[in-house]
Amino acid sequence: MTSIAFKATLSQESPPENLSVLLKALWFDAKNDWESAHDIAQSDEGSKSFDHLHAYLHRKEGDAWNAKYWYNRAKEPVFSGSFQEEWEHLFSRFSM
């Protein structure tokens, strides 16, 4: 699924069933449902992708200390771009 097709689903009440759990988290984030996205991030702590998602969500929340902790766990540098750029980066990684 392309980013454009994915974003077109944001008008729906719930995420498409065929999305991976990580893409569902990004869907919830794009719908400003941080809690649902965070619940998914916590569901598989210790997994690089879930930890990276967790870091992004805490960075977006404004909790820099917690975000840095999760970036370290994911073995990723703290993202220095915009939230939208990081969202696109995660979307690209999670849709592979």
N, C-alpha and C. Protein backbone atom coordinates (compact mmCIF):
# COMPACT_ATOMS: atom_id res chain seq x y z
N MET A 1 0.84 -1.17 0.00
CA MET A 1 0.00 0.00 0.00
C MET A 1 0.89 1.24 0.00
N THR A 2 0.56 2.18 -0.84
CA THR A 2 1.32 3.42 -0.88
C THR A 2 0.88 4.34 0.26
N SER A 3 1.71 5.32 0.53
CA SER A 3 1.38 6.30 1.56
C SER A 3 0.09 7.05 1.20
N ILE A 4 -0.09 7.34 -0.06
CA ILE A 4 -1.30 8.06 -0.51
C ILE A 4 -2.54 7.20 -0.30
N ALA A 5 -2.46 5.93 -0.66
CA ALA A 5 -3.60 5.02 -0.46
C ALA A 5 -3.87 4.85 1.04
N PHE A 6 -2.80 4.75 1.81
CA PHE A 6 -2.95 4.61 3.26
C PHE A 6 -3.67 5.82 3.84
N LYS A 7 -3.23 7.00 3.46
CA LYS A 7 -3.83 8.23 3.99
C LYS A 7 -5.29 8.37 3.58
N ALA A 8 -5.65 7.80 2.45
CA ALA A 8 -7.05 7.84 2.01
C ALA A 8 -7.95 7.04 2.96
N THR A 9 -7.39 6.09 3.68
CA THR A 9 -8.19 5.28 4.61
C THR A 9 -8.48 6.03 5.91
N LEU A 10 -7.85 7.17 6.12
CA LEU A 10 -8.02 7.91 7.37
C LEU A 10 -9.42 8.49 7.54
N SER A 11 -10.20 8.50 6.46
CA SER A 11 -11.58 8.96 6.57
C SER A 11 -12.50 7.87 7.15
N GLN A 12 -11.98 6.67 7.25
CA GLN A 12 -12.77 5.56 7.78
C GLN A 12 -12.81 5.60 9.31
N GLU A 13 -13.80 4.92 9.88
CA GLU A 13 -13.96 4.87 11.33
C GLU A 13 -12.93 3.97 12.01
N SER A 14 -12.45 2.97 11.31
CA SER A 14 -11.48 2.04 11.87
C SER A 14 -10.46 1.69 10.79
N PRO A 15 -9.28 1.20 11.21
CA PRO A 15 -8.26 0.88 10.22
C PRO A 15 -8.67 -0.32 9.37
N PRO A 16 -8.21 -0.36 8.14
CA PRO A 16 -8.49 -1.52 7.29
C PRO A 16 -7.98 -2.80 7.94
N GLU A 17 -8.72 -3.85 7.80
CA GLU A 17 -8.38 -5.14 8.42
C GLU A 17 -7.06 -5.71 7.91
N ASN A 18 -6.70 -5.42 6.68
CA ASN A 18 -5.52 -6.03 6.08
C ASN A 18 -4.21 -5.34 6.47
N LEU A 19 -4.26 -4.31 7.30
CA LEU A 19 -3.03 -3.64 7.72
C LEU A 19 -2.28 -4.47 8.76
N SER A 20 -0.97 -4.40 8.71
CA SER A 20 -0.17 -5.02 9.77
C SER A 20 -0.42 -4.24 11.06
N VAL A 21 -0.07 -4.83 12.16
CA VAL A 21 -0.31 -4.18 13.45
C VAL A 21 0.49 -2.88 13.56
N LEU A 22 1.70 -2.83 13.01
CA LEU A 22 2.50 -1.61 13.05
C LEU A 22 1.88 -0.50 12.21
N LEU A 23 1.34 -0.87 11.05
CA LEU A 23 0.66 0.14 10.23
C LEU A 23 -0.64 0.59 10.90
N LYS A 24 -1.28 -0.30 11.63
CA LYS A 24 -2.47 0.11 12.39
C LYS A 24 -2.08 1.15 13.43
N ALA A 25 -0.93 0.99 14.05
CA ALA A 25 -0.47 1.97 15.03
C ALA A 25 -0.26 3.33 14.36
N LEU A 26 0.35 3.34 13.18
CA LEU A 26 0.53 4.61 12.46
C LEU A 26 -0.81 5.19 12.04
N TRP A 27 -1.77 4.33 11.71
CA TRP A 27 -3.12 4.78 11.35
C TRP A 27 -3.74 5.49 12.56
N PHE A 28 -3.65 4.85 13.73
CA PHE A 28 -4.21 5.48 14.93
C PHE A 28 -3.50 6.79 15.24
N ASP A 29 -2.18 6.82 15.09
CA ASP A 29 -1.43 8.05 15.32
C ASP A 29 -1.91 9.15 14.38
N ALA A 30 -2.08 8.82 13.11
CA ALA A 30 -2.53 9.82 12.14
C ALA A 30 -3.94 10.33 12.45
N LYS A 31 -4.72 9.52 13.16
CA LYS A 31 -6.07 9.91 13.57
C LYS A 31 -6.06 10.59 14.95
N ASN A 32 -4.87 10.91 15.44
CA ASN A 32 -4.70 11.55 16.75
C ASN A 32 -5.19 10.69 17.91
N ASP A 33 -5.08 9.38 17.75
CA ASP A 33 -5.43 8.44 18.82
C ASP A 33 -4.11 7.88 19.36
N TRP A 34 -3.41 8.72 20.11
CA TRP A 34 -2.09 8.37 20.63
C TRP A 34 -2.17 7.13 21.51
N GLU A 35 -3.20 7.05 22.32
CA GLU A 35 -3.33 5.94 23.27
C GLU A 35 -3.39 4.58 22.56
N SER A 36 -4.19 4.49 21.51
CA SER A 36 -4.29 3.22 20.76
C SER A 36 -2.96 2.88 20.09
N ALA A 37 -2.29 3.89 19.53
CA ALA A 37 -0.99 3.66 18.91
C ALA A 37 0.02 3.21 19.96
N HIS A 38 -0.01 3.84 21.11
CA HIS A 38 0.91 3.50 22.19
C HIS A 38 0.65 2.09 22.72
N ASP A 39 -0.61 1.70 22.82
CA ASP A 39 -0.94 0.33 23.25
C ASP A 39 -0.29 -0.69 22.32
N ILE A 40 -0.32 -0.41 21.03
CA ILE A 40 0.31 -1.32 20.06
C ILE A 40 1.82 -1.32 20.26
N ALA A 41 2.42 -0.15 20.45
CA ALA A 41 3.88 -0.07 20.66
C ALA A 41 4.29 -0.90 21.86
N GLN A 42 3.48 -0.89 22.90
CA GLN A 42 3.80 -1.64 24.12
C GLN A 42 3.54 -3.14 23.98
N SER A 43 2.81 -3.53 22.96
CA SER A 43 2.40 -4.93 22.84
C SER A 43 3.53 -5.89 22.51
N ASP A 44 4.66 -5.37 22.00
CA ASP A 44 5.78 -6.25 21.64
C ASP A 44 7.10 -5.55 21.97
N GLU A 45 7.20 -5.05 23.22
CA GLU A 45 8.44 -4.40 23.64
C GLU A 45 9.61 -5.36 23.48
N GLY A 46 10.73 -4.80 23.05
CA GLY A 46 11.91 -5.62 22.80
C GLY A 46 12.09 -5.93 21.32
N SER A 47 11.05 -5.71 20.54
CA SER A 47 11.13 -5.85 19.09
C SER A 47 11.55 -4.50 18.52
N LYS A 48 12.57 -4.49 17.68
CA LYS A 48 13.15 -3.25 17.16
C LYS A 48 12.10 -2.32 16.58
N SER A 49 11.21 -2.83 15.75
CA SER A 49 10.21 -1.97 15.11
C SER A 49 9.23 -1.40 16.12
N PHE A 50 8.80 -2.20 17.07
CA PHE A 50 7.87 -1.73 18.08
C PHE A 50 8.55 -0.70 19.00
N ASP A 51 9.82 -0.94 19.32
CA ASP A 51 10.54 0.01 20.16
C ASP A 51 10.77 1.34 19.42
N HIS A 52 11.02 1.26 18.12
CA HIS A 52 11.18 2.49 17.33
C HIS A 52 9.86 3.26 17.28
N LEU A 53 8.77 2.57 17.07
CA LEU A 53 7.45 3.19 17.10
C LEU A 53 7.22 3.84 18.46
N HIS A 54 7.58 3.15 19.52
CA HIS A 54 7.41 3.64 20.88
C HIS A 54 8.20 4.94 21.06
N ALA A 55 9.43 4.98 20.55
CA ALA A 55 10.27 6.18 20.63
C ALA A 55 9.60 7.35 19.92
N TYR A 56 9.14 7.11 18.70
CA TYR A 56 8.47 8.16 17.92
C TYR A 56 7.27 8.72 18.68
N LEU A 57 6.47 7.84 19.25
CA LEU A 57 5.26 8.29 19.95
C LEU A 57 5.61 9.14 21.16
N HIS A 58 6.66 8.78 21.89
CA HIS A 58 7.04 9.59 23.05
C HIS A 58 7.69 10.90 22.62
N ARG A 59 8.42 10.89 21.52
CA ARG A 59 8.98 12.14 21.00
C ARG A 59 7.85 13.07 20.62
N LYS A 60 6.86 12.53 19.94
CA LYS A 60 5.71 13.35 19.52
C LYS A 60 4.93 13.86 20.73
N GLU A 61 4.85 13.05 21.77
CA GLU A 61 4.17 13.42 23.00
C GLU A 61 4.90 14.56 23.72
N GLY A 62 6.19 14.71 23.43
CA GLY A 62 6.99 15.74 24.09
C GLY A 62 7.81 15.21 25.25
N ASP A 63 7.87 13.91 25.40
CA ASP A 63 8.63 13.28 26.48
C ASP A 63 9.99 12.85 25.93
N ALA A 64 10.91 13.83 25.85
CA ALA A 64 12.21 13.59 25.21
C ALA A 64 13.02 12.52 25.92
N TRP A 65 12.98 12.50 27.25
CA TRP A 65 13.76 11.50 27.99
C TRP A 65 13.29 10.09 27.66
N ASN A 66 11.98 9.88 27.70
CA ASN A 66 11.41 8.57 27.42
C ASN A 66 11.64 8.19 25.96
N ALA A 67 11.52 9.15 25.06
CA ALA A 67 11.78 8.88 23.64
C ALA A 67 13.21 8.40 23.44
N LYS A 68 14.16 9.09 24.08
CA LYS A 68 15.57 8.71 23.94
C LYS A 68 15.79 7.30 24.45
N TYR A 69 15.15 6.96 25.56
CA TYR A 69 15.25 5.60 26.09
C TYR A 69 14.82 4.57 25.03
N TRP A 70 13.69 4.82 24.38
CA TRP A 70 13.17 3.87 23.39
C TRP A 70 13.99 3.86 22.10
N TYR A 71 14.53 5.02 21.69
CA TYR A 71 15.43 5.02 20.54
C TYR A 71 16.65 4.14 20.86
N ASN A 72 17.18 4.28 22.07
CA ASN A 72 18.33 3.44 22.45
C ASN A 72 17.97 1.97 22.43
N ARG A 73 16.79 1.62 22.93
CA ARG A 73 16.38 0.22 22.92
C ARG A 73 16.22 -0.31 21.50
N ALA A 74 15.77 0.58 20.60
CA ALA A 74 15.58 0.20 19.19
C ALA A 74 16.89 0.25 18.41
N LYS A 75 17.95 0.73 19.09
CA LYS A 75 19.26 0.90 18.44
C LYS A 75 19.15 1.83 17.23
N GLU A 76 18.41 2.91 17.44
CA GLU A 76 18.19 3.93 16.41
C GLU A 76 18.64 5.28 16.97
N PRO A 77 19.18 6.16 16.12
CA PRO A 77 19.49 7.51 16.59
C PRO A 77 18.19 8.27 16.83
N VAL A 78 18.25 9.23 17.74
CA VAL A 78 17.08 10.09 17.94
C VAL A 78 16.81 10.81 16.63
N PHE A 79 15.59 10.73 16.15
CA PHE A 79 15.23 11.32 14.87
C PHE A 79 15.30 12.83 14.98
N SER A 80 15.92 13.48 14.02
CA SER A 80 16.11 14.93 14.10
C SER A 80 15.17 15.70 13.17
N GLY A 81 14.41 15.01 12.34
CA GLY A 81 13.49 15.69 11.43
C GLY A 81 12.15 15.96 12.09
N SER A 82 11.21 16.35 11.27
CA SER A 82 9.86 16.66 11.75
C SER A 82 9.12 15.36 12.10
N PHE A 83 8.04 15.52 12.83
CA PHE A 83 7.21 14.35 13.16
C PHE A 83 6.69 13.72 11.87
N GLN A 84 6.29 14.54 10.90
CA GLN A 84 5.77 14.01 9.64
C GLN A 84 6.86 13.23 8.89
N GLU A 85 8.07 13.74 8.92
CA GLU A 85 9.17 13.02 8.26
C GLU A 85 9.43 11.68 8.93
N GLU A 86 9.37 11.66 10.25
CA GLU A 86 9.59 10.39 10.93
C GLU A 86 8.42 9.44 10.69
N TRP A 87 7.20 9.97 10.67
CA TRP A 87 6.03 9.14 10.37
C TRP A 87 6.21 8.48 9.00
N GLU A 88 6.62 9.28 8.00
CA GLU A 88 6.84 8.75 6.64
C GLU A 88 7.95 7.70 6.65
N HIS A 89 9.01 7.95 7.41
CA HIS A 89 10.11 6.99 7.52
C HIS A 89 9.61 5.66 8.10
N LEU A 90 8.83 5.76 9.18
CA LEU A 90 8.29 4.53 9.80
C LEU A 90 7.33 3.85 8.85
N PHE A 91 6.47 4.61 8.17
CA PHE A 91 5.54 4.01 7.23
C PHE A 91 6.31 3.22 6.17
N SER A 92 7.36 3.81 5.65
CA SER A 92 8.18 3.13 4.63
C SER A 92 8.76 1.83 5.17
N ARG A 93 9.28 1.85 6.39
CA ARG A 93 9.87 0.66 6.99
C ARG A 93 8.81 -0.41 7.27
N PHE A 94 7.67 0.02 7.80
CA PHE A 94 6.64 -0.93 8.21
C PHE A 94 5.85 -1.48 7.03
N SER A 95 5.89 -0.82 5.89
CA SER A 95 5.09 -1.31 4.75
C SER A 95 5.91 -2.20 3.83
N MET A 96 7.13 -2.48 4.19
CA MET A 96 7.98 -3.36 3.35
C MET A 96 7.54 -4.80 3.50
